Protein backbone atom coordinates (compact mmCIF):
# COMPACT_ATOMS: atom_id res chain seq x y z
CA MET A 1 -0.25 0.24 -0.09
CA ALA A 2 0.89 3.82 -0.58
CA ASN A 3 1.63 5.98 1.72
CA GLU A 4 -1.29 7.71 3.06
CA HIS A 5 -0.60 11.46 0.76
CA GLU A 6 1.70 10.65 -2.16
CA ALA A 7 2.77 14.37 -3.01
CA LEU A 8 2.64 16.26 -6.10
CA ASP A 9 3.06 19.30 -7.83
CA VAL A 10 0.73 18.33 -10.72
CA LEU A 11 -1.63 15.40 -11.06
CA LEU A 12 -3.37 15.27 -14.85
CA VAL A 13 -6.16 13.24 -15.40
CA GLY A 14 -6.46 11.01 -18.61
CA ALA A 15 -3.77 10.09 -20.75
CA GLY A 16 -5.00 11.81 -24.10
CA ILE A 17 -3.53 14.35 -26.27
CA MET A 18 -4.51 17.43 -23.91
CA SER A 19 -2.60 15.72 -20.70
CA ALA A 20 0.70 14.56 -22.42
CA THR A 21 0.97 17.72 -24.16
CA LEU A 22 0.45 19.81 -21.04
CA ALA A 23 2.49 17.55 -19.08
CA THR A 24 5.48 18.22 -21.71
CA LEU A 25 5.23 21.80 -21.62
CA LEU A 26 5.55 21.86 -17.79
CA LYS A 27 8.87 19.62 -18.01
CA GLU A 28 10.26 21.64 -20.68
CA VAL A 29 9.71 25.33 -19.11
CA GLU A 30 10.35 23.87 -15.26
CA PRO A 31 12.08 20.26 -15.26
CA ASP A 32 12.03 20.05 -11.55
CA THR A 33 8.05 19.68 -11.36
CA ARG A 34 6.65 16.46 -10.05
CA LEU A 35 3.97 15.55 -12.08
CA GLU A 36 2.07 12.33 -12.61
CA ILE A 37 -0.75 11.23 -15.48
CA VAL A 38 -3.35 8.60 -14.38
CA GLU A 39 -5.63 6.92 -16.75
CA LEU A 40 -8.71 4.86 -16.14
CA GLN A 41 -7.64 2.57 -19.50
CA GLU A 42 -4.53 0.08 -20.22
CA SER A 43 -2.83 2.70 -22.27
CA GLY A 44 -2.45 6.20 -23.55
CA ALA A 45 -4.78 7.61 -26.72
CA ILE A 46 -7.60 4.81 -25.85
CA GLU A 47 -10.38 7.52 -25.89
CA SER A 48 -10.45 10.62 -28.69
CA SER A 49 -6.83 10.67 -28.82
CA ASN A 50 -7.42 7.24 -30.71
CA PRO A 51 -6.41 7.33 -34.56
CA TRP A 52 -9.95 5.85 -35.21
CA ASN A 53 -11.90 8.21 -33.02
CA ASN A 54 -11.42 11.33 -34.93
CA ALA A 55 -10.97 12.57 -38.37
CA GLY A 56 -7.24 13.00 -38.17
CA THR A 57 -7.38 16.33 -39.76
CA GLY A 58 -4.44 19.10 -38.86
CA HIS A 59 -7.17 21.66 -38.53
CA ALA A 60 -5.86 24.47 -39.82
CA GLY A 61 -8.90 26.32 -41.55
CA LEU A 62 -7.57 25.65 -44.71
CA CYS A 63 -10.37 23.11 -46.04
CA GLU A 64 -13.26 23.45 -43.03
CA LEU A 65 -16.26 25.51 -44.52
CA ASN A 66 -18.21 25.92 -41.11
CA TYR A 67 -14.84 27.96 -40.23
CA THR A 68 -15.69 30.52 -42.68
CA PRO A 69 -19.38 31.37 -42.39
CA GLN A 70 -21.20 34.25 -44.80
CA ALA A 71 -22.81 36.82 -43.41
CA ALA A 72 -26.32 38.28 -44.64
CA ASP A 73 -24.68 40.61 -46.90
CA GLY A 74 -22.77 37.97 -48.77
CA SER A 75 -19.24 38.90 -47.10
CA ILE A 76 -17.21 35.70 -45.53
CA ASP A 77 -15.62 36.14 -42.17
CA ILE A 78 -12.29 34.59 -42.02
CA LYS A 79 -11.43 35.32 -38.22
CA LYS A 80 -11.91 32.18 -37.15
CA ALA A 81 -10.22 30.25 -40.23
CA VAL A 82 -7.36 32.34 -39.62
CA GLN A 83 -7.16 32.24 -35.74
CA ILE A 84 -7.29 27.91 -36.32
CA ASN A 85 -4.21 28.29 -39.31
CA ALA A 86 -2.14 30.32 -36.71
CA GLN A 87 -3.30 27.86 -33.51
CA PHE A 88 -2.20 25.02 -35.52
CA GLU A 89 1.23 26.53 -36.89
CA VAL A 90 1.86 27.14 -32.83
CA SER A 91 1.52 23.08 -32.63
CA LYS A 92 3.71 22.06 -35.41
CA GLN A 93 6.46 24.53 -33.44
CA PHE A 94 6.20 22.61 -30.52
CA TRP A 95 6.50 19.24 -32.62
CA ALA A 96 9.32 20.96 -34.26
CA HIS A 97 11.14 21.76 -30.95
CA LEU A 98 10.82 18.00 -29.63
CA VAL A 99 12.17 16.49 -32.58
CA ASP A 100 15.52 17.21 -31.67
CA LYS A 101 14.72 15.93 -28.02
CA GLU A 102 15.97 12.50 -26.99
CA GLY A 103 13.20 9.81 -26.90
CA PHE A 104 10.73 11.79 -28.75
CA GLY A 105 10.77 9.56 -32.08
CA ASN A 106 10.33 9.76 -35.83
CA PRO A 107 7.63 12.77 -36.75
CA ARG A 108 6.39 10.93 -39.56
CA ASN A 109 5.31 8.19 -37.32
CA PHE A 110 2.33 11.13 -36.43
CA ILE A 111 2.28 13.87 -39.09
CA ASN A 112 2.12 13.17 -43.01
CA PRO A 113 1.68 15.64 -45.81
CA VAL A 114 -1.97 14.92 -47.46
CA PRO A 115 -3.60 18.18 -49.81
CA HIS A 116 -6.58 20.13 -48.19
CA LEU A 117 -9.68 20.25 -50.45
CA SER A 118 -13.32 21.88 -50.01
CA PHE A 119 -15.36 20.51 -52.67
CA VAL A 120 -19.08 21.98 -53.38
CA ARG A 121 -21.94 21.35 -55.84
CA GLY A 122 -24.82 23.56 -57.20
CA LYS A 123 -25.72 26.40 -55.30
CA ASP A 124 -22.68 26.48 -52.88
CA VAL A 125 -20.04 27.49 -55.82
CA SER A 126 -20.69 31.12 -55.17
CA PHE A 127 -19.90 30.83 -51.57
CA LEU A 128 -16.93 29.00 -52.36
CA LYS A 129 -15.89 31.48 -54.77
CA LYS A 130 -16.08 34.20 -52.50
CA ARG A 131 -14.59 32.38 -49.95
CA PHE A 132 -11.10 31.63 -51.88
CA GLU A 133 -11.49 35.36 -53.00
CA THR A 134 -11.39 36.13 -49.40
CA LEU A 135 -9.02 33.74 -47.82
CA SER A 136 -6.67 33.55 -50.36
CA GLN A 137 -5.79 37.52 -49.90
CA HIS A 138 -4.53 36.60 -46.41
CA HIS A 139 -1.07 34.88 -46.12
CA ALA A 140 -2.01 32.22 -44.63
CA PHE A 141 -3.93 30.80 -47.75
CA GLU A 142 -1.72 32.37 -50.39
CA SER A 143 -1.05 29.30 -51.86
CA MET A 144 -4.97 28.29 -52.25
CA VAL A 145 -6.21 27.55 -55.42
CA TYR A 146 -9.55 27.37 -57.04
CA THR A 147 -11.23 25.47 -59.89
CA GLU A 148 -14.47 24.88 -61.72
CA ASP A 149 -12.76 23.24 -63.90
CA ARG A 150 -14.00 19.19 -64.14
CA GLU A 151 -10.54 17.75 -65.65
CA GLN A 152 -8.40 19.69 -63.08
CA LEU A 153 -11.31 18.34 -60.27
CA ALA A 154 -10.36 14.95 -61.51
CA GLN A 155 -6.64 15.75 -61.03
CA TRP A 156 -7.26 16.64 -57.86
CA ALA A 157 -9.75 14.10 -56.34
CA PRO A 158 -9.84 11.26 -58.90
CA LEU A 159 -12.64 9.50 -57.10
CA THR A 160 -14.85 12.51 -57.00
CA MET A 161 -16.03 12.90 -60.93
CA PRO A 162 -16.48 9.51 -62.95
CA GLY A 163 -20.00 9.10 -62.43
CA ARG A 164 -21.27 12.37 -61.80
CA PRO A 165 -23.74 14.00 -63.89
CA ALA A 166 -22.40 16.11 -66.88
CA ASP A 167 -24.46 19.02 -65.57
CA GLU A 168 -23.76 19.40 -62.32
CA GLN A 169 -22.22 22.44 -61.04
CA VAL A 170 -18.63 21.50 -59.10
CA ALA A 171 -16.09 23.93 -57.72
CA ALA A 172 -13.25 23.03 -55.13
CA THR A 173 -10.24 24.78 -53.58
CA ARG A 174 -6.75 23.22 -52.91
CA VAL A 175 -4.09 23.58 -50.51
CA GLU A 176 -1.33 21.32 -51.10
CA HIS A 177 0.05 21.77 -47.52
CA GLY A 178 -2.15 20.09 -45.49
CA THR A 179 -1.76 17.08 -42.94
CA ASP A 180 -2.81 14.33 -41.38
CA VAL A 181 -2.08 13.73 -37.99
CA ASN A 182 -2.41 10.35 -35.85
CA PHE A 183 -2.97 12.16 -32.34
CA GLY A 184 -3.03 8.74 -30.92
CA ALA A 185 0.76 8.25 -32.02
CA LEU A 186 1.50 11.50 -31.13
CA THR A 187 0.21 10.91 -27.82
CA ASN A 188 2.22 7.88 -27.23
CA GLN A 189 5.53 9.71 -28.62
CA LEU A 190 4.84 12.25 -25.65
CA LEU A 191 4.06 9.54 -23.17
CA ALA A 192 6.88 7.48 -24.06
CA ARG A 193 9.54 10.30 -23.57
CA LEU A 194 7.29 11.86 -20.53
CA GLY A 195 7.76 8.00 -18.68
CA LYS A 196 11.60 8.17 -19.09
CA GLN A 197 12.00 11.87 -17.31
CA GLU A 198 13.13 12.15 -13.64
CA GLY A 199 9.53 13.06 -11.53
CA ALA A 200 7.35 12.13 -13.98
CA LYS A 201 4.88 9.06 -13.97
CA ILE A 202 2.07 7.40 -16.09
CA SER A 203 0.08 5.30 -14.51
CA TYR A 204 -2.92 3.28 -15.83
CA PHE A 205 -6.24 1.38 -14.91
CA GLN A 206 -6.34 4.33 -11.98
CA ARG A 207 -9.76 5.71 -11.38
CA VAL A 208 -10.68 9.01 -9.63
CA VAL A 209 -13.04 8.44 -6.73
CA GLY A 210 -12.48 11.82 -4.80
CA LEU A 211 -11.32 15.17 -5.51
CA GLU A 212 -11.72 17.88 -2.34
CA ARG A 213 -9.28 21.01 -1.29
CA ASP A 214 -7.66 20.57 1.91
CA GLY A 215 -5.93 24.15 2.24
CA GLN A 216 -4.43 25.17 -0.77
CA ASP A 217 -4.36 21.50 -2.22
CA TRP A 218 -6.23 19.05 -3.22
CA ILE A 219 -6.25 15.71 -2.14
CA VAL A 220 -6.87 13.24 -5.25
CA ASP A 221 -8.41 9.55 -4.01
CA ILE A 222 -7.46 7.23 -6.66
CA LYS A 223 -8.60 3.71 -7.32
CA ASN A 224 -6.85 0.79 -8.85
CA THR A 225 -9.29 -0.86 -10.80
CA GLN A 226 -7.06 -4.21 -11.17
CA ASN A 227 -6.23 -4.77 -7.79
CA GLY A 228 -8.66 -2.79 -5.65
CA GLN A 229 -6.06 -0.89 -3.68
CA SER A 230 -6.88 3.04 -2.98
CA ARG A 231 -4.27 5.87 -2.56
CA LYS A 232 -4.23 9.25 -1.82
CA ILE A 233 -2.59 12.28 -3.72
CA ARG A 234 -1.52 15.66 -2.59
CA THR A 235 -1.12 18.11 -5.34
CA LYS A 236 -0.94 21.94 -5.86
CA PHE A 237 -2.66 21.87 -9.40
CA VAL A 238 -5.01 19.15 -10.85
CA PHE A 239 -5.61 19.14 -14.68
CA LEU A 240 -8.58 17.15 -15.83
CA GLY A 241 -7.99 16.08 -19.28
CA ALA A 242 -10.43 13.14 -19.61
CA GLY A 243 -12.29 14.22 -22.70
CA GLY A 244 -16.06 13.73 -21.79
CA GLY A 245 -15.26 12.13 -18.59
CA ALA A 246 -13.93 16.05 -17.51
CA LEU A 247 -17.31 17.06 -16.95
CA PRO A 248 -18.04 14.73 -14.13
CA LEU A 249 -14.67 15.27 -12.48
CA LEU A 250 -15.25 19.08 -12.64
CA GLN A 251 -18.54 18.77 -10.75
CA MET A 252 -16.94 16.19 -8.61
CA SER A 253 -14.60 19.19 -7.42
CA GLY A 254 -17.70 21.54 -6.37
CA ILE A 255 -15.57 24.64 -7.65
CA PRO A 256 -17.88 27.66 -7.96
CA GLU A 257 -17.21 28.01 -11.73
CA SER A 258 -18.06 24.43 -12.41
CA LYS A 259 -21.85 25.42 -11.91
CA GLY A 260 -24.39 25.47 -14.57
CA PHE A 261 -22.28 23.19 -17.35
CA GLY A 262 -23.48 20.27 -18.68
CA GLY A 263 -22.58 17.94 -21.74
CA PHE A 264 -24.55 16.96 -24.54
CA PRO A 265 -22.84 13.43 -25.97
CA VAL A 266 -22.53 13.24 -29.56
CA SER A 267 -21.23 9.28 -30.88
CA GLY A 268 -20.01 9.10 -33.91
CA GLN A 269 -19.31 6.37 -37.03
CA TRP A 270 -17.43 6.27 -40.40
CA LEU A 271 -17.34 4.39 -43.64
CA ARG A 272 -13.92 2.94 -43.78
CA CYS A 273 -12.36 1.36 -46.85
CA ASP A 274 -8.82 -0.05 -46.72
CA ASN A 275 -8.91 -1.60 -50.57
CA PRO A 276 -5.38 -0.62 -52.15
CA GLU A 277 -6.82 -0.14 -55.58
CA VAL A 278 -9.18 2.54 -54.23
CA VAL A 279 -6.85 3.84 -51.54
CA ARG A 280 -4.48 4.85 -53.63
CA GLN A 281 -6.46 6.77 -56.14
CA HIS A 282 -7.27 9.19 -53.28
CA GLN A 283 -4.80 11.46 -51.89
CA ALA A 284 -6.54 14.78 -50.13
CA LYS A 285 -8.90 15.45 -47.17
CA VAL A 286 -11.91 16.62 -49.22
CA TYR A 287 -14.63 18.81 -46.94
CA SER A 288 -17.82 19.97 -48.07
CA GLN A 289 -20.96 21.93 -46.63
CA ALA A 290 -22.67 20.36 -43.86
CA GLU A 291 -26.45 19.60 -44.16
CA VAL A 292 -28.99 21.96 -43.08
CA GLY A 293 -29.76 21.26 -39.43
CA ALA A 294 -26.51 19.14 -38.72
CA PRO A 295 -23.93 20.38 -36.00
CA PRO A 296 -20.63 21.42 -37.31
CA MET A 297 -19.24 18.46 -36.27
CA SER A 298 -20.83 16.52 -38.67
CA VAL A 299 -19.24 18.09 -41.78
CA PRO A 300 -19.10 15.02 -44.49
CA HIS A 301 -15.66 14.50 -45.89
CA LEU A 302 -13.47 11.72 -47.41
CA ASP A 303 -10.02 11.54 -46.21
CA THR A 304 -6.83 10.17 -46.67
CA ARG A 305 -5.84 8.65 -43.33
CA VAL A 306 -2.05 7.21 -42.56
CA VAL A 307 -2.06 5.04 -39.16
CA ASP A 308 0.89 3.08 -38.78
CA GLY A 309 2.07 3.56 -41.75
CA LYS A 310 -1.05 2.19 -43.65
CA LYS A 311 -3.20 4.64 -45.90
CA SER A 312 -7.06 4.22 -45.62
CA LEU A 313 -10.00 6.00 -46.53
CA LEU A 314 -12.51 7.78 -43.72
CA PHE A 315 -16.19 8.82 -44.62
CA GLY A 316 -18.31 10.39 -42.68
CA PRO A 317 -19.02 11.48 -40.03
CA TYR A 318 -22.50 10.17 -39.29
CA ALA A 319 -23.91 11.42 -36.09
CA GLY A 320 -25.67 9.31 -33.33
CA PHE A 321 -26.60 9.48 -29.83
CA SER A 322 -25.36 7.57 -26.66
CA THR A 323 -25.89 8.87 -23.16
CA LYS A 324 -22.08 7.62 -22.80
CA PHE A 325 -19.80 10.65 -21.90
CA LEU A 326 -16.84 8.22 -23.09
CA ARG A 327 -16.84 5.49 -25.82
CA HIS A 328 -15.88 3.20 -22.84
CA GLY A 329 -18.04 4.66 -20.14
CA SER A 330 -21.30 3.97 -18.84
CA PHE A 331 -24.94 4.55 -20.25
CA LEU A 332 -25.57 6.70 -16.74
CA ASP A 333 -22.86 9.24 -17.55
CA LEU A 334 -25.60 11.46 -18.81
CA PRO A 335 -28.51 11.21 -15.97
CA LEU A 336 -25.86 11.21 -13.18
CA SER A 337 -24.26 14.38 -14.68
CA VAL A 338 -27.82 16.18 -14.27
CA ARG A 339 -27.52 18.71 -11.28
CA GLY A 340 -29.80 21.69 -9.81
CA SER A 341 -27.35 24.15 -11.42
CA ASN A 342 -27.34 22.66 -15.05
CA LEU A 343 -31.05 21.43 -15.09
CA MET A 344 -32.33 24.46 -16.63
CA PRO A 345 -29.18 25.04 -19.10
CA MET A 346 -29.98 21.45 -20.21
CA LEU A 347 -33.71 21.83 -20.46
CA ALA A 348 -33.22 25.14 -22.63
CA VAL A 349 -30.90 23.38 -24.94
CA ALA A 350 -33.38 20.93 -25.64
CA ARG A 351 -36.20 23.39 -26.19
CA ASP A 352 -33.83 25.35 -28.62
CA ASN A 353 -32.48 22.18 -30.72
CA MET A 354 -35.48 20.26 -31.93
CA ASP A 355 -33.60 20.85 -35.36
CA LEU A 356 -30.42 19.05 -33.87
CA THR A 357 -32.62 16.28 -32.04
CA ARG A 358 -34.58 15.34 -35.34
CA TYR A 359 -31.75 15.48 -37.10
CA LEU A 360 -29.38 13.06 -34.82
CA VAL A 361 -32.72 10.54 -35.15
CA ARG A 362 -32.49 10.40 -38.87
CA GLU A 363 -28.52 10.02 -38.66
CA VAL A 364 -29.71 6.58 -36.00
CA MET A 365 -32.12 5.27 -38.23
CA GLN A 366 -30.28 5.21 -41.54
CA SER A 367 -29.34 2.21 -43.00
CA MET A 368 -26.40 1.10 -45.04
CA ASP A 369 -27.57 1.94 -48.42
CA GLN A 370 -28.60 5.72 -46.93
CA ARG A 371 -25.26 6.07 -45.30
CA LEU A 372 -23.50 5.22 -48.98
CA GLU A 373 -26.09 7.37 -50.79
CA SER A 374 -23.87 10.23 -48.45
CA LEU A 375 -20.99 9.00 -49.20
CA ARG A 376 -21.99 8.82 -53.61
CA LYS A 377 -22.21 12.58 -53.63
CA PHE A 378 -18.56 12.39 -52.95
CA TYR A 379 -17.51 9.53 -54.77
CA PRO A 380 -20.59 8.86 -57.07
CA LEU A 381 -19.10 5.04 -58.44
CA ALA A 382 -18.26 3.53 -54.99
CA ASN A 383 -18.69 -0.11 -54.34
CA PRO A 384 -20.62 -0.97 -50.88
CA ALA A 385 -18.32 -4.07 -51.07
CA ASP A 386 -15.12 -1.66 -50.48
CA TRP A 387 -16.54 0.58 -47.33
CA ARG A 388 -17.26 -1.07 -43.87
CA LEU A 389 -18.65 0.85 -40.89
CA GLU A 390 -16.48 2.20 -37.66
CA THR A 391 -17.60 3.49 -34.82
CA ALA A 392 -15.93 6.29 -33.85
CA GLY A 393 -15.39 8.41 -30.52
CA GLN A 394 -17.85 10.22 -27.91
CA ARG A 395 -17.62 13.85 -28.17
CA VAL A 396 -19.32 15.77 -25.25
CA GLN A 397 -20.51 19.04 -26.59
CA ILE A 398 -20.65 22.13 -23.71
CA ILE A 399 -24.16 23.17 -22.48
CA LYS A 400 -23.62 26.50 -20.31
CA LYS A 401 -25.46 29.12 -18.77
CA ASP A 402 -26.89 32.10 -20.98
CA THR A 403 -28.82 35.02 -19.56
CA LYS A 404 -30.89 35.85 -22.40
CA LYS A 405 -31.85 31.98 -23.44
CA GLY A 406 -31.55 30.17 -19.85
CA GLY A 407 -28.79 27.68 -21.96
CA ILE A 408 -26.62 27.49 -25.03
CA LEU A 409 -25.17 24.65 -26.69
CA GLN A 410 -21.51 25.27 -27.61
CA PHE A 411 -19.45 23.63 -30.22
CA GLY A 412 -15.71 24.10 -29.89
CA THR A 413 -13.81 23.66 -26.49
CA GLU A 414 -13.66 25.78 -23.25
CA LEU A 415 -11.29 25.79 -20.58
CA VAL A 416 -12.92 26.35 -17.20
CA ALA A 417 -10.66 26.80 -13.80
CA SER A 418 -10.97 27.95 -10.55
CA GLU A 419 -10.59 31.30 -9.60
CA ASP A 420 -7.30 30.47 -7.96
CA GLY A 421 -6.19 28.58 -10.61
CA THR A 422 -5.09 25.32 -8.48
CA ILE A 423 -7.69 23.48 -10.83
CA ALA A 424 -8.81 23.39 -14.34
CA ALA A 425 -11.03 21.39 -16.94
CA LEU A 426 -10.83 21.08 -20.47
CA LEU A 427 -14.36 20.81 -21.97
CA GLY A 428 -15.84 20.41 -25.62
CA ALA A 429 -14.43 19.04 -28.54
CA SER A 430 -13.25 19.80 -32.45
CA PRO A 431 -10.64 21.17 -33.29
CA GLY A 432 -9.37 20.30 -29.77
CA ALA A 433 -6.35 18.20 -30.84
CA SER A 434 -5.35 20.29 -33.42
CA VAL A 435 -4.91 23.17 -31.36
CA THR A 436 -4.13 21.68 -28.13
CA VAL A 437 -0.55 23.46 -27.54
CA SER A 438 -2.42 26.83 -27.89
CA ILE A 439 -5.26 25.74 -25.49
CA MET A 440 -2.54 24.38 -22.95
CA LEU A 441 -0.52 27.49 -23.05
CA GLY A 442 -3.30 29.45 -22.12
CA LEU A 443 -3.58 27.20 -19.39
CA LEU A 444 -0.48 28.01 -18.30
CA GLU A 445 -0.69 31.84 -18.52
CA ARG A 446 -4.07 31.30 -16.73
CA CYS A 447 -2.80 29.20 -13.84
CA PHE A 448 0.34 29.53 -13.46
CA PRO A 449 0.36 33.44 -14.10
CA ALA A 450 3.62 34.59 -11.86
CA GLN A 451 6.22 31.80 -13.58
CA TYR A 452 4.15 32.48 -16.89
CA LYS A 453 5.60 36.00 -16.40
CA SER A 454 9.02 35.13 -14.92
CA GLU A 455 12.22 35.52 -17.20
CA ALA A 456 12.97 31.78 -16.70
CA TRP A 457 9.32 30.74 -18.27
CA GLY A 458 9.65 33.47 -21.21
CA ALA A 459 12.97 32.68 -22.57
CA LYS A 460 12.43 28.84 -22.66
CA LEU A 461 8.91 29.67 -24.19
CA ARG A 462 10.46 32.29 -26.77
CA GLU A 463 13.01 29.41 -27.95
CA ILE A 464 10.25 26.90 -28.27
CA PHE A 465 7.93 29.68 -29.95
CA PRO A 466 9.45 32.05 -32.15
CA ALA A 467 6.04 33.40 -33.14
CA ARG A 468 3.20 33.23 -31.35
CA GLU A 469 -0.18 33.59 -32.30
CA LYS A 470 -1.11 36.95 -32.98
CA GLN A 471 2.33 37.26 -34.48
CA LEU A 472 1.51 34.73 -37.13
CA GLU A 473 -1.68 36.13 -37.81
CA SER A 474 -0.77 39.74 -38.68
CA ASP A 475 3.58 39.14 -39.43
CA ALA A 476 3.12 37.71 -43.48
CA SER A 477 7.08 37.47 -43.42
CA ALA A 478 7.30 35.73 -39.70
CA TYR A 479 4.52 33.12 -40.82
CA ARG A 480 6.29 32.27 -44.17
CA GLU A 481 9.42 31.51 -42.29
CA ILE A 482 7.87 29.66 -39.37
CA ASN A 483 5.64 27.49 -42.10
CA ALA A 484 8.70 26.73 -43.95
CA TYR A 485 10.70 25.79 -40.77
CA THR A 486 8.10 23.33 -39.03
CA TRP A 487 7.56 21.89 -42.58
CA GLN A 488 10.98 20.86 -43.13
CA LYS A 489 11.69 19.61 -38.98
CA LEU A 490 8.76 17.99 -39.44
CA GLN A 491 10.02 15.93 -42.31
CA LEU A 492 6.96 17.06 -44.72
CA ASP A 493 8.94 18.10 -47.24
CA GLN A 494 10.37 14.45 -47.97
């Protein structure tokens, strides 16, 4: 049996991309940090970070049409696309920094070059052209190209054109320097390196069963699910990076900032193709417009995926509904998350999102033939024998209080931290994994303000990140230099 109170500086719950990134950052800026990552499953990256549980897109605003909404006057708002692009560049800087570190491994194990395309039909062509004209004026998107030429489209995405009606209006944009990211492989490379560092520990089969304050510290009760043994950890800081499991843990903490938050779980499925004859014809991530009433996370796309060196194609996602907060969770997760403080926001969201509810019901009730019908909008000659259904991970969208509506459903991610910065939780979903580094840098600034402002941390962060988000958004010269450096350092030019 362990000592009654093991002492740590930082305890991280969940061995996914978020905790692995935060722990690595902390050990970079403060090597003496004593930290432990505890994970309920038998290894890291089992849930949302697993490569088959997410799209694997290096989200950079290059092809995701929901990041560039069109206003009533016809103008295109590119602010979110520019922001996410800069955040992804920050992630690439961090990974490039780690390439030279002993024990990190080969970057091509987790990141590969895959062009990013936006593909539209019919009435959406005018929107895509306007989007291209607006986006391509910004330095981050200056390499984007646009075409309505069917021969050119057939070269960019050979599966999309054969069998398509000759009179159908089609258009696409393409950015060659897109990426496919295996966030599971990245997570495990980060964890493997951490596990070899002094003062860092990763423990599996660990369930957090208690979380309470003791003065300035937190006492965390942990149970080993294999042998039933319990232990207590006293720590100065707790990070809840457990994906959908972060909300119940945040509620367990009892901090005032947790009040009013609820979760709306959405499950997902993909069609997957491993036929080499088909896979070799498609080298792109091709995104399109979401159906009316569909949530942003359900934007359809046909993707090249590279997992463990092998290429596959994924199409989807098809949304579904489950009351589980984790793929390996319990059907009681949703009902057990209901509290007096979040009941009204959750009821308000249910009232105001009937279109989403109807959409999810339709998705759940779809037959395989109906799923293939959606695929054929991208790949008209798709052979059903080449495709199988693959279950993806759970995504728990954020429900939060709203003074006007009572409650709103929020797509994206949100960092919730206590006023004193001793505990923080990351809630929400996409584009979380791609912009993890920016999110975790924000956490450092918020929860470790004195150290973050210190010269020691500042110097180290400037070494790792020669250019941060705001500079990348506004300084074309700095952006081009950083982009070229990270592309080469991550071996994406090979």
